[in-house]
Amino acid sequence: MSTFADRWREHLRLAALLLLTGTRADHVLRLLLLVMLGQAPGRAATISLLSDGLMDYGLSPTRDQVETALAWLAEQALIQTIREDGVTGAMVLSRGLDIAAGSATVPGIAAPPTLPWLQGRLEAISLRASMGDIEVECDWLAARNLIKPLNGLVFATHTGRDVALGRRLVEGVKQASPETILRAAANAASNMLRGV
């Protein structure tokens, strides 16, 4: 028999996944590219490397979609694209690092999903949790490959997105209601129509 505390944790885990998957995928893609470039040696990487890395964070964009996102970031003066011998890459600029760190914002790029960001979003939907509780639950989700941390940020994995969309059940995570699944599916369809 589940206790109220067990149910609270199950709801908190689902809510965290829904919040992490509820942001427009193209906005998350741009943020992830900036964060990954900031972590790369020399703050630069090829499209191939970036595309492979994105798979770990619940996104599976095509090479063209990655190139389009990089072109958009270059137009915003956040990165510099590099083409040499048929290989395309990118290097993050200081303003792009500011966006990745959350010290500046640009419309069209997701806010960095830090643990304090997650705590604030959970509180906004009446799920109050201490930072310690959020850390414990994020560790729980990460241990089950539902989220993956990157440079102090947390992103949903493909499996985490499937759980949020009700396509997969994981013991210890509240099953999404039909209404929640419809909202999440509408968001996913919107992302697909945008090509991400």
N, C-alpha and C. Protein backbone atom coordinates (compact mmCIF):
# COMPACT_ATOMS: atom_id res chain seq x y z
N MET A 1 0.83 -1.17 0.00
CA MET A 1 0.00 0.00 0.00
C MET A 1 0.88 1.25 0.00
N SER A 2 0.58 2.19 -0.87
CA SER A 2 1.35 3.41 -0.98
C SER A 2 0.95 4.41 0.09
N THR A 3 1.93 5.12 0.58
CA THR A 3 1.66 6.19 1.51
C THR A 3 1.47 7.48 0.72
N PHE A 4 0.98 8.51 1.39
CA PHE A 4 0.83 9.80 0.72
C PHE A 4 2.19 10.31 0.26
N ALA A 5 3.22 10.09 1.07
CA ALA A 5 4.57 10.53 0.69
C ALA A 5 5.04 9.83 -0.59
N ASP A 6 4.72 8.54 -0.73
CA ASP A 6 5.08 7.80 -1.95
C ASP A 6 4.35 8.40 -3.15
N ARG A 7 3.07 8.68 -2.98
CA ARG A 7 2.29 9.25 -4.08
C ARG A 7 2.80 10.64 -4.44
N TRP A 8 3.17 11.42 -3.42
CA TRP A 8 3.71 12.75 -3.67
C TRP A 8 4.97 12.65 -4.53
N ARG A 9 5.86 11.72 -4.19
CA ARG A 9 7.09 11.54 -4.98
C ARG A 9 6.76 11.11 -6.42
N GLU A 10 5.79 10.21 -6.59
CA GLU A 10 5.40 9.77 -7.93
C GLU A 10 4.88 10.95 -8.76
N HIS A 11 4.06 11.79 -8.13
CA HIS A 11 3.52 12.97 -8.83
C HIS A 11 4.64 13.97 -9.14
N LEU A 12 5.53 14.18 -8.18
CA LEU A 12 6.64 15.11 -8.38
C LEU A 12 7.51 14.66 -9.55
N ARG A 13 7.78 13.36 -9.63
CA ARG A 13 8.62 12.84 -10.73
C ARG A 13 7.95 13.05 -12.08
N LEU A 14 6.65 12.76 -12.16
CA LEU A 14 5.93 12.98 -13.42
C LEU A 14 5.92 14.46 -13.76
N ALA A 15 5.63 15.30 -12.78
CA ALA A 15 5.57 16.75 -13.03
C ALA A 15 6.93 17.24 -13.53
N ALA A 16 8.01 16.76 -12.94
CA ALA A 16 9.34 17.17 -13.39
C ALA A 16 9.55 16.78 -14.86
N LEU A 17 9.17 15.57 -15.21
CA LEU A 17 9.32 15.14 -16.61
C LEU A 17 8.46 15.98 -17.55
N LEU A 18 7.24 16.27 -17.13
CA LEU A 18 6.36 17.09 -17.97
C LEU A 18 6.92 18.49 -18.14
N LEU A 19 7.46 19.06 -17.07
CA LEU A 19 8.04 20.40 -17.18
C LEU A 19 9.27 20.40 -18.09
N LEU A 20 10.08 19.36 -17.98
CA LEU A 20 11.29 19.29 -18.80
C LEU A 20 10.97 19.00 -20.26
N THR A 21 9.84 18.40 -20.55
CA THR A 21 9.48 18.10 -21.94
C THR A 21 8.48 19.10 -22.50
N GLY A 22 7.99 20.02 -21.68
CA GLY A 22 6.96 20.95 -22.11
C GLY A 22 7.46 22.17 -22.86
N THR A 23 8.76 22.38 -22.88
CA THR A 23 9.34 23.52 -23.59
C THR A 23 9.48 23.17 -25.06
N ARG A 24 9.28 24.14 -25.93
CA ARG A 24 9.39 23.89 -27.37
C ARG A 24 10.73 23.24 -27.69
N ALA A 25 10.68 22.18 -28.46
CA ALA A 25 11.89 21.41 -28.77
C ALA A 25 12.93 22.23 -29.52
N ASP A 26 12.51 23.14 -30.40
CA ASP A 26 13.51 23.94 -31.13
C ASP A 26 14.22 24.90 -30.17
N HIS A 27 13.53 25.37 -29.14
CA HIS A 27 14.15 26.24 -28.15
C HIS A 27 15.15 25.45 -27.29
N VAL A 28 14.77 24.22 -26.94
CA VAL A 28 15.67 23.35 -26.17
C VAL A 28 16.88 22.97 -27.02
N LEU A 29 16.66 22.68 -28.29
CA LEU A 29 17.76 22.34 -29.21
C LEU A 29 18.80 23.45 -29.23
N ARG A 30 18.36 24.68 -29.36
CA ARG A 30 19.29 25.81 -29.40
C ARG A 30 20.07 25.92 -28.09
N LEU A 31 19.37 25.77 -26.96
CA LEU A 31 20.05 25.83 -25.67
C LEU A 31 21.08 24.70 -25.56
N LEU A 32 20.68 23.49 -25.89
CA LEU A 32 21.59 22.36 -25.79
C LEU A 32 22.84 22.55 -26.67
N LEU A 33 22.66 23.09 -27.84
CA LEU A 33 23.82 23.34 -28.71
C LEU A 33 24.79 24.31 -28.04
N LEU A 34 24.26 25.37 -27.44
CA LEU A 34 25.13 26.32 -26.75
C LEU A 34 25.84 25.68 -25.56
N VAL A 35 25.10 24.90 -24.78
CA VAL A 35 25.69 24.25 -23.60
C VAL A 35 26.76 23.25 -24.04
N MET A 36 26.45 22.43 -25.04
CA MET A 36 27.41 21.43 -25.49
C MET A 36 28.66 22.08 -26.08
N LEU A 37 28.48 23.15 -26.85
CA LEU A 37 29.65 23.85 -27.39
C LEU A 37 30.49 24.44 -26.26
N GLY A 38 29.82 24.95 -25.23
CA GLY A 38 30.55 25.49 -24.08
C GLY A 38 31.36 24.44 -23.34
N GLN A 39 30.94 23.19 -23.41
CA GLN A 39 31.63 22.09 -22.75
C GLN A 39 32.72 21.46 -23.62
N ALA A 40 32.68 21.72 -24.91
CA ALA A 40 33.62 21.09 -25.84
C ALA A 40 35.01 21.72 -25.71
N PRO A 41 36.05 20.92 -25.92
CA PRO A 41 37.40 21.49 -25.94
C PRO A 41 37.49 22.59 -26.99
N GLY A 42 38.03 23.73 -26.62
CA GLY A 42 38.12 24.85 -27.55
C GLY A 42 36.78 25.50 -27.82
N ARG A 43 35.74 25.06 -27.11
CA ARG A 43 34.37 25.59 -27.27
C ARG A 43 33.87 25.49 -28.70
N ALA A 44 34.30 24.41 -29.38
CA ALA A 44 33.91 24.19 -30.77
C ALA A 44 33.70 22.70 -31.01
N ALA A 45 32.82 22.38 -31.97
CA ALA A 45 32.55 20.98 -32.32
C ALA A 45 31.96 20.92 -33.72
N THR A 46 32.04 19.74 -34.32
CA THR A 46 31.45 19.50 -35.64
C THR A 46 29.96 19.21 -35.49
N ILE A 47 29.25 19.35 -36.58
CA ILE A 47 27.81 19.02 -36.58
C ILE A 47 27.60 17.56 -36.24
N SER A 48 28.46 16.70 -36.74
CA SER A 48 28.33 15.27 -36.46
C SER A 48 28.41 15.01 -34.96
N LEU A 49 29.40 15.60 -34.30
CA LEU A 49 29.55 15.41 -32.86
C LEU A 49 28.37 15.98 -32.10
N LEU A 50 27.92 17.17 -32.49
CA LEU A 50 26.77 17.79 -31.83
C LEU A 50 25.51 16.94 -32.01
N SER A 51 25.29 16.44 -33.22
CA SER A 51 24.11 15.59 -33.48
C SER A 51 24.13 14.34 -32.61
N ASP A 52 25.29 13.70 -32.51
CA ASP A 52 25.41 12.51 -31.66
C ASP A 52 25.11 12.86 -30.21
N GLY A 53 25.64 13.99 -29.74
CA GLY A 53 25.43 14.39 -28.36
C GLY A 53 23.98 14.71 -28.04
N LEU A 54 23.25 15.27 -28.99
CA LEU A 54 21.85 15.63 -28.77
C LEU A 54 20.98 14.40 -28.48
N MET A 55 21.36 13.27 -29.05
CA MET A 55 20.59 12.04 -28.84
C MET A 55 20.51 11.68 -27.36
N ASP A 56 21.57 11.99 -26.61
CA ASP A 56 21.59 11.67 -25.18
C ASP A 56 20.60 12.50 -24.37
N TYR A 57 20.12 13.58 -24.94
CA TYR A 57 19.26 14.51 -24.21
C TYR A 57 17.84 14.57 -24.75
N GLY A 58 17.40 13.47 -25.32
CA GLY A 58 15.99 13.35 -25.71
C GLY A 58 15.62 14.00 -27.02
N LEU A 59 16.57 14.46 -27.78
CA LEU A 59 16.28 15.07 -29.08
C LEU A 59 16.94 14.25 -30.17
N SER A 60 16.27 14.12 -31.29
CA SER A 60 16.83 13.39 -32.43
C SER A 60 16.67 14.21 -33.71
N PRO A 61 17.25 15.40 -33.73
CA PRO A 61 17.10 16.21 -34.94
C PRO A 61 17.94 15.65 -36.09
N THR A 62 17.50 15.94 -37.30
CA THR A 62 18.28 15.58 -38.47
C THR A 62 19.49 16.51 -38.56
N ARG A 63 20.42 16.13 -39.40
CA ARG A 63 21.59 17.00 -39.62
C ARG A 63 21.15 18.37 -40.14
N ASP A 64 20.16 18.40 -41.03
CA ASP A 64 19.66 19.67 -41.55
C ASP A 64 19.06 20.52 -40.44
N GLN A 65 18.35 19.89 -39.51
CA GLN A 65 17.77 20.65 -38.40
C GLN A 65 18.85 21.22 -37.49
N VAL A 66 19.93 20.46 -37.29
CA VAL A 66 21.04 20.97 -36.49
C VAL A 66 21.69 22.15 -37.22
N GLU A 67 21.91 22.01 -38.52
CA GLU A 67 22.49 23.11 -39.31
C GLU A 67 21.60 24.34 -39.25
N THR A 68 20.29 24.16 -39.34
CA THR A 68 19.36 25.28 -39.28
C THR A 68 19.43 25.96 -37.91
N ALA A 69 19.48 25.17 -36.85
CA ALA A 69 19.59 25.74 -35.50
C ALA A 69 20.90 26.49 -35.34
N LEU A 70 21.99 25.94 -35.87
CA LEU A 70 23.28 26.63 -35.78
C LEU A 70 23.26 27.94 -36.58
N ALA A 71 22.62 27.92 -37.74
CA ALA A 71 22.51 29.15 -38.54
C ALA A 71 21.73 30.21 -37.78
N TRP A 72 20.66 29.79 -37.10
CA TRP A 72 19.86 30.73 -36.31
C TRP A 72 20.71 31.31 -35.18
N LEU A 73 21.46 30.45 -34.50
CA LEU A 73 22.33 30.92 -33.41
C LEU A 73 23.40 31.88 -33.93
N ALA A 74 23.92 31.60 -35.12
CA ALA A 74 24.93 32.49 -35.72
C ALA A 74 24.31 33.85 -36.05
N GLU A 75 23.07 33.86 -36.54
CA GLU A 75 22.37 35.12 -36.83
C GLU A 75 22.19 35.96 -35.57
N GLN A 76 22.08 35.30 -34.43
CA GLN A 76 21.92 36.00 -33.15
C GLN A 76 23.27 36.39 -32.54
N ALA A 77 24.36 36.11 -33.24
CA ALA A 77 25.73 36.40 -32.79
C ALA A 77 26.08 35.64 -31.51
N LEU A 78 25.58 34.40 -31.41
CA LEU A 78 25.86 33.57 -30.25
C LEU A 78 26.93 32.52 -30.55
N ILE A 79 27.08 32.18 -31.82
CA ILE A 79 28.09 31.23 -32.26
C ILE A 79 28.69 31.72 -33.57
N GLN A 80 29.77 31.09 -33.94
CA GLN A 80 30.36 31.30 -35.25
C GLN A 80 30.39 29.94 -35.93
N THR A 81 29.84 29.86 -37.14
CA THR A 81 29.92 28.59 -37.87
C THR A 81 31.23 28.54 -38.64
N ILE A 82 31.73 27.32 -38.80
CA ILE A 82 33.01 27.09 -39.44
C ILE A 82 32.82 26.00 -40.50
N ARG A 83 33.29 26.27 -41.73
CA ARG A 83 33.24 25.27 -42.79
C ARG A 83 34.65 25.09 -43.34
N GLU A 84 35.12 23.87 -43.29
CA GLU A 84 36.48 23.59 -43.75
C GLU A 84 36.50 22.19 -44.36
N ASP A 85 36.94 22.07 -45.58
CA ASP A 85 37.08 20.78 -46.25
C ASP A 85 35.79 19.95 -46.20
N GLY A 86 34.66 20.61 -46.41
CA GLY A 86 33.38 19.91 -46.42
C GLY A 86 32.84 19.56 -45.05
N VAL A 87 33.50 19.96 -43.98
CA VAL A 87 33.06 19.68 -42.62
C VAL A 87 32.54 20.98 -42.01
N THR A 88 31.37 20.91 -41.44
CA THR A 88 30.78 22.08 -40.80
C THR A 88 30.84 21.92 -39.29
N GLY A 89 31.22 22.99 -38.64
CA GLY A 89 31.27 23.00 -37.18
C GLY A 89 30.83 24.35 -36.67
N ALA A 90 30.94 24.51 -35.37
CA ALA A 90 30.55 25.77 -34.74
C ALA A 90 31.40 26.01 -33.52
N MET A 91 31.56 27.29 -33.21
CA MET A 91 32.28 27.70 -32.00
C MET A 91 31.38 28.70 -31.27
N VAL A 92 31.19 28.46 -29.98
CA VAL A 92 30.33 29.34 -29.19
C VAL A 92 31.09 30.62 -28.85
N LEU A 93 30.38 31.74 -28.90
CA LEU A 93 30.95 33.03 -28.55
C LEU A 93 30.57 33.38 -27.11
N SER A 94 31.17 34.42 -26.57
CA SER A 94 30.94 34.75 -25.15
C SER A 94 29.47 35.01 -24.85
N ARG A 95 28.77 35.66 -25.74
CA ARG A 95 27.33 35.91 -25.53
C ARG A 95 26.55 34.60 -25.50
N GLY A 96 26.95 33.63 -26.31
CA GLY A 96 26.31 32.31 -26.28
C GLY A 96 26.55 31.60 -24.96
N LEU A 97 27.75 31.77 -24.40
CA LEU A 97 28.04 31.19 -23.09
C LEU A 97 27.18 31.83 -22.01
N ASP A 98 26.93 33.14 -22.13
CA ASP A 98 26.04 33.82 -21.18
C ASP A 98 24.63 33.24 -21.23
N ILE A 99 24.15 32.96 -22.43
CA ILE A 99 22.81 32.37 -22.58
C ILE A 99 22.79 30.98 -21.96
N ALA A 100 23.81 30.18 -22.25
CA ALA A 100 23.89 28.81 -21.73
C ALA A 100 23.95 28.81 -20.20
N ALA A 101 24.58 29.82 -19.63
CA ALA A 101 24.70 29.91 -18.17
C ALA A 101 23.46 30.51 -17.52
N GLY A 102 22.56 31.07 -18.32
CA GLY A 102 21.35 31.67 -17.77
C GLY A 102 21.54 33.10 -17.30
N SER A 103 22.70 33.71 -17.59
CA SER A 103 22.92 35.09 -17.16
C SER A 103 22.39 36.11 -18.17
N ALA A 104 21.91 35.63 -19.30
CA ALA A 104 21.25 36.46 -20.31
C ALA A 104 20.20 35.60 -21.00
N THR A 105 19.25 36.24 -21.62
CA THR A 105 18.19 35.50 -22.33
C THR A 105 18.04 36.03 -23.75
N VAL A 106 17.57 35.16 -24.60
CA VAL A 106 17.24 35.51 -25.98
C VAL A 106 15.93 34.81 -26.31
N PRO A 107 14.92 35.54 -26.78
CA PRO A 107 13.69 34.87 -27.20
C PRO A 107 14.01 33.82 -28.26
N GLY A 108 13.45 32.63 -28.10
CA GLY A 108 13.71 31.54 -29.03
C GLY A 108 14.69 30.52 -28.49
N ILE A 109 15.21 30.78 -27.29
CA ILE A 109 16.10 29.83 -26.63
C ILE A 109 15.52 29.53 -25.26
N ALA A 110 15.41 28.25 -24.94
CA ALA A 110 14.83 27.83 -23.66
C ALA A 110 15.66 28.36 -22.50
N ALA A 111 14.98 28.63 -21.40
CA ALA A 111 15.68 28.97 -20.16
C ALA A 111 16.43 27.73 -19.69
N PRO A 112 17.64 27.89 -19.19
CA PRO A 112 18.38 26.72 -18.72
C PRO A 112 17.63 26.02 -17.59
N PRO A 113 17.34 24.72 -17.75
CA PRO A 113 16.57 23.99 -16.74
C PRO A 113 17.46 23.56 -15.55
N THR A 114 17.74 24.52 -14.69
CA THR A 114 18.51 24.25 -13.48
C THR A 114 17.57 23.67 -12.42
N LEU A 115 18.14 23.17 -11.34
CA LEU A 115 17.30 22.68 -10.25
C LEU A 115 16.47 23.81 -9.63
N PRO A 116 17.01 25.02 -9.42
CA PRO A 116 16.14 26.11 -8.93
C PRO A 116 15.01 26.44 -9.91
N TRP A 117 15.29 26.39 -11.23
CA TRP A 117 14.24 26.61 -12.23
C TRP A 117 13.15 25.56 -12.06
N LEU A 118 13.56 24.30 -11.91
CA LEU A 118 12.60 23.21 -11.74
C LEU A 118 11.80 23.41 -10.45
N GLN A 119 12.47 23.79 -9.38
CA GLN A 119 11.78 24.03 -8.11
C GLN A 119 10.72 25.12 -8.27
N GLY A 120 11.07 26.20 -8.93
CA GLY A 120 10.11 27.29 -9.14
C GLY A 120 8.92 26.86 -9.99
N ARG A 121 9.18 26.09 -11.02
CA ARG A 121 8.09 25.61 -11.89
C ARG A 121 7.18 24.64 -11.15
N LEU A 122 7.77 23.78 -10.30
CA LEU A 122 6.97 22.86 -9.49
C LEU A 122 6.10 23.63 -8.50
N GLU A 123 6.68 24.64 -7.87
CA GLU A 123 5.91 25.46 -6.92
C GLU A 123 4.75 26.16 -7.61
N ALA A 124 4.97 26.56 -8.86
CA ALA A 124 3.92 27.24 -9.62
C ALA A 124 2.71 26.34 -9.86
N ILE A 125 2.92 25.02 -9.81
CA ILE A 125 1.80 24.09 -9.98
C ILE A 125 1.44 23.41 -8.65
N SER A 126 1.79 24.09 -7.54
CA SER A 126 1.43 23.65 -6.19
C SER A 126 2.11 22.37 -5.73
N LEU A 127 3.29 22.09 -6.25
CA LEU A 127 4.10 20.99 -5.74
C LEU A 127 5.35 21.59 -5.11
N ARG A 128 5.24 21.90 -3.84
CA ARG A 128 6.36 22.52 -3.13
C ARG A 128 7.32 21.42 -2.68
N ALA A 129 8.59 21.66 -2.96
CA ALA A 129 9.62 20.69 -2.58
C ALA A 129 10.88 21.45 -2.21
N SER A 130 11.59 20.93 -1.23
CA SER A 130 12.87 21.52 -0.87
C SER A 130 13.87 21.22 -1.97
N MET A 131 14.96 21.97 -1.99
CA MET A 131 16.00 21.70 -2.97
C MET A 131 16.58 20.30 -2.75
N GLY A 132 16.66 19.89 -1.49
CA GLY A 132 17.14 18.53 -1.19
C GLY A 132 16.24 17.48 -1.79
N ASP A 133 14.91 17.67 -1.67
CA ASP A 133 13.96 16.73 -2.27
C ASP A 133 14.11 16.69 -3.79
N ILE A 134 14.27 17.86 -4.39
CA ILE A 134 14.41 17.91 -5.85
C ILE A 134 15.68 17.21 -6.29
N GLU A 135 16.77 17.40 -5.55
CA GLU A 135 18.02 16.71 -5.88
C GLU A 135 17.85 15.20 -5.78
N VAL A 136 17.18 14.74 -4.71
CA VAL A 136 16.97 13.30 -4.53
C VAL A 136 16.13 12.74 -5.67
N GLU A 137 15.05 13.43 -6.03
CA GLU A 137 14.16 12.93 -7.09
C GLU A 137 14.84 13.01 -8.46
N CYS A 138 15.65 14.03 -8.70
CA CYS A 138 16.38 14.09 -9.96
C CYS A 138 17.42 12.98 -10.03
N ASP A 139 18.06 12.67 -8.91
CA ASP A 139 18.99 11.53 -8.89
C ASP A 139 18.24 10.24 -9.20
N TRP A 140 17.03 10.10 -8.63
CA TRP A 140 16.20 8.91 -8.87
C TRP A 140 15.86 8.81 -10.36
N LEU A 141 15.43 9.92 -10.96
CA LEU A 141 15.08 9.94 -12.38
C LEU A 141 16.31 9.66 -13.25
N ALA A 142 17.45 10.22 -12.88
CA ALA A 142 18.67 10.01 -13.66
C ALA A 142 19.13 8.55 -13.57
N ALA A 143 18.97 7.94 -12.41
CA ALA A 143 19.38 6.54 -12.24
C ALA A 143 18.54 5.61 -13.12
N ARG A 144 17.37 6.04 -13.52
CA ARG A 144 16.49 5.25 -14.39
C ARG A 144 16.52 5.75 -15.84
N ASN A 145 17.50 6.58 -16.15
CA ASN A 145 17.68 7.13 -17.49
C ASN A 145 16.47 7.90 -18.00
N LEU A 146 15.79 8.60 -17.10
CA LEU A 146 14.65 9.42 -17.50
C LEU A 146 15.06 10.88 -17.70
N ILE A 147 16.10 11.29 -17.01
CA ILE A 147 16.69 12.60 -17.22
C ILE A 147 18.21 12.44 -17.26
N LYS A 148 18.87 13.45 -17.82
CA LYS A 148 20.32 13.41 -17.87
C LYS A 148 20.85 14.80 -17.54
N PRO A 149 21.76 14.87 -16.57
CA PRO A 149 22.33 16.18 -16.24
C PRO A 149 23.41 16.58 -17.23
N LEU A 150 23.58 17.89 -17.38
CA LEU A 150 24.64 18.44 -18.22
C LEU A 150 25.00 19.81 -17.68
N ASN A 151 26.19 19.93 -17.12
CA ASN A 151 26.70 21.22 -16.67
C ASN A 151 25.73 21.94 -15.72
N GLY A 152 25.19 21.22 -14.76
CA GLY A 152 24.27 21.82 -13.80
C GLY A 152 22.84 21.95 -14.28
N LEU A 153 22.56 21.48 -15.47
CA LEU A 153 21.20 21.51 -16.03
C LEU A 153 20.67 20.10 -16.09
N VAL A 154 19.36 19.96 -16.21
CA VAL A 154 18.75 18.63 -16.36
C VAL A 154 17.84 18.63 -17.59
N PHE A 155 17.97 17.57 -18.38
CA PHE A 155 17.18 17.42 -19.60
C PHE A 155 16.54 16.05 -19.60
N ALA A 156 15.33 15.96 -20.14
CA ALA A 156 14.66 14.67 -20.28
C ALA A 156 15.34 13.87 -21.38
N THR A 157 15.43 12.56 -21.18
CA THR A 157 15.95 11.65 -22.20
C THR A 157 14.78 11.20 -23.08
N HIS A 158 15.08 10.37 -24.10
CA HIS A 158 14.00 9.81 -24.91
C HIS A 158 13.03 9.01 -24.03
N THR A 159 13.58 8.23 -23.11
CA THR A 159 12.72 7.44 -22.23
C THR A 159 11.88 8.35 -21.34
N GLY A 160 12.48 9.42 -20.83
CA GLY A 160 11.74 10.38 -20.01
C GLY A 160 10.60 11.02 -20.79
N ARG A 161 10.86 11.34 -22.06
CA ARG A 161 9.79 11.89 -22.91
C ARG A 161 8.67 10.87 -23.11
N ASP A 162 9.04 9.61 -23.30
CA ASP A 162 8.02 8.57 -23.46
C ASP A 162 7.16 8.43 -22.22
N VAL A 163 7.77 8.54 -21.05
CA VAL A 163 7.00 8.46 -19.80
C VAL A 163 6.07 9.66 -19.69
N ALA A 164 6.56 10.86 -20.00
CA ALA A 164 5.74 12.06 -19.93
C ALA A 164 4.56 11.99 -20.90
N LEU A 165 4.78 11.35 -22.05
CA LEU A 165 3.72 11.22 -23.06
C LEU A 165 2.80 10.02 -22.81
N GLY A 166 3.08 9.26 -21.74
CA GLY A 166 2.25 8.10 -21.43
C GLY A 166 2.52 6.90 -22.31
N ARG A 167 3.61 6.92 -23.08
CA ARG A 167 3.94 5.79 -23.96
C ARG A 167 4.69 4.69 -23.23
N ARG A 168 5.17 5.00 -22.03
CA ARG A 168 5.92 4.03 -21.25
C ARG A 168 5.59 4.24 -19.79
N LEU A 169 5.49 3.14 -19.06
CA LEU A 169 5.25 3.21 -17.63
C LEU A 169 6.54 2.84 -16.90
N VAL A 170 6.81 3.57 -15.83
CA VAL A 170 7.96 3.29 -14.98
C VAL A 170 7.45 3.27 -13.55
N GLU A 171 7.69 2.17 -12.87
CA GLU A 171 7.27 2.07 -11.49
C GLU A 171 7.95 3.17 -10.68
N GLY A 172 7.16 3.89 -9.90
CA GLY A 172 7.68 4.99 -9.11
C GLY A 172 7.39 6.34 -9.72
N VAL A 173 6.84 6.35 -10.95
CA VAL A 173 6.43 7.60 -11.59
C VAL A 173 4.94 7.49 -11.84
N LYS A 174 4.19 8.49 -11.42
CA LYS A 174 2.74 8.52 -11.62
C LYS A 174 2.44 8.39 -13.11
N GLN A 175 1.49 7.54 -13.42
CA GLN A 175 1.06 7.42 -14.82
C GLN A 175 0.32 8.69 -15.20
N ALA A 176 0.66 9.24 -16.33
CA ALA A 176 0.01 10.46 -16.79
C ALA A 176 -1.48 10.21 -17.06
N SER A 177 -2.31 11.16 -16.69
CA SER A 177 -3.75 11.06 -16.95
C SER A 177 -4.01 11.23 -18.44
N PRO A 178 -5.17 10.80 -18.93
CA PRO A 178 -5.48 11.00 -20.35
C PRO A 178 -5.41 12.47 -20.76
N GLU A 179 -5.85 13.38 -19.89
CA GLU A 179 -5.79 14.81 -20.19
C GLU A 179 -4.34 15.28 -20.32
N THR A 180 -3.50 14.81 -19.41
CA THR A 180 -2.09 15.18 -19.45
C THR A 180 -1.43 14.63 -20.70
N ILE A 181 -1.77 13.40 -21.05
CA ILE A 181 -1.21 12.78 -22.25
C ILE A 181 -1.62 13.58 -23.49
N LEU A 182 -2.88 14.02 -23.54
CA LEU A 182 -3.34 14.81 -24.69
C LEU A 182 -2.59 16.14 -24.79
N ARG A 183 -2.38 16.81 -23.65
CA ARG A 183 -1.64 18.07 -23.67
C ARG A 183 -0.19 17.83 -24.12
N ALA A 184 0.43 16.79 -23.59
CA ALA A 184 1.81 16.49 -23.95
C ALA A 184 1.90 16.08 -25.42
N ALA A 185 0.92 15.31 -25.90
CA ALA A 185 0.91 14.89 -27.30
C ALA A 185 0.72 16.09 -28.22
N ALA A 186 -0.12 17.04 -27.83
CA ALA A 186 -0.31 18.24 -28.63
C ALA A 186 0.98 19.03 -28.71
N ASN A 187 1.70 19.11 -27.60
CA ASN A 187 2.99 19.80 -27.60
C ASN A 187 3.99 19.07 -28.50
N ALA A 188 4.01 17.74 -28.42
CA ALA A 188 4.91 16.95 -29.26
C ALA A 188 4.56 17.12 -30.73
N ALA A 189 3.26 17.13 -31.05
CA ALA A 189 2.84 17.32 -32.45
C ALA A 189 3.24 18.69 -32.95
N SER A 190 3.10 19.69 -32.10
CA SER A 190 3.52 21.04 -32.48
C SER A 190 5.01 21.08 -32.79
N ASN A 191 5.79 20.39 -31.97
CA ASN A 191 7.24 20.32 -32.22
C ASN A 191 7.54 19.62 -33.53
N MET A 192 6.80 18.55 -33.83
CA MET A 192 7.01 17.82 -35.08
C MET A 192 6.70 18.71 -36.28
N LEU A 193 5.63 19.50 -36.16
CA LEU A 193 5.26 20.39 -37.26
C LEU A 193 6.32 21.48 -37.47
N ARG A 194 7.02 21.85 -36.40
CA ARG A 194 8.11 22.82 -36.51
C ARG A 194 9.38 22.15 -37.05
N GLY A 195 9.36 20.81 -37.15
CA GLY A 195 10.51 20.10 -37.68
C GLY A 195 11.57 19.75 -36.67
N VAL A 196 11.20 19.67 -35.40
CA VAL A 196 12.18 19.31 -34.37
C VAL A 196 11.68 18.12 -33.60
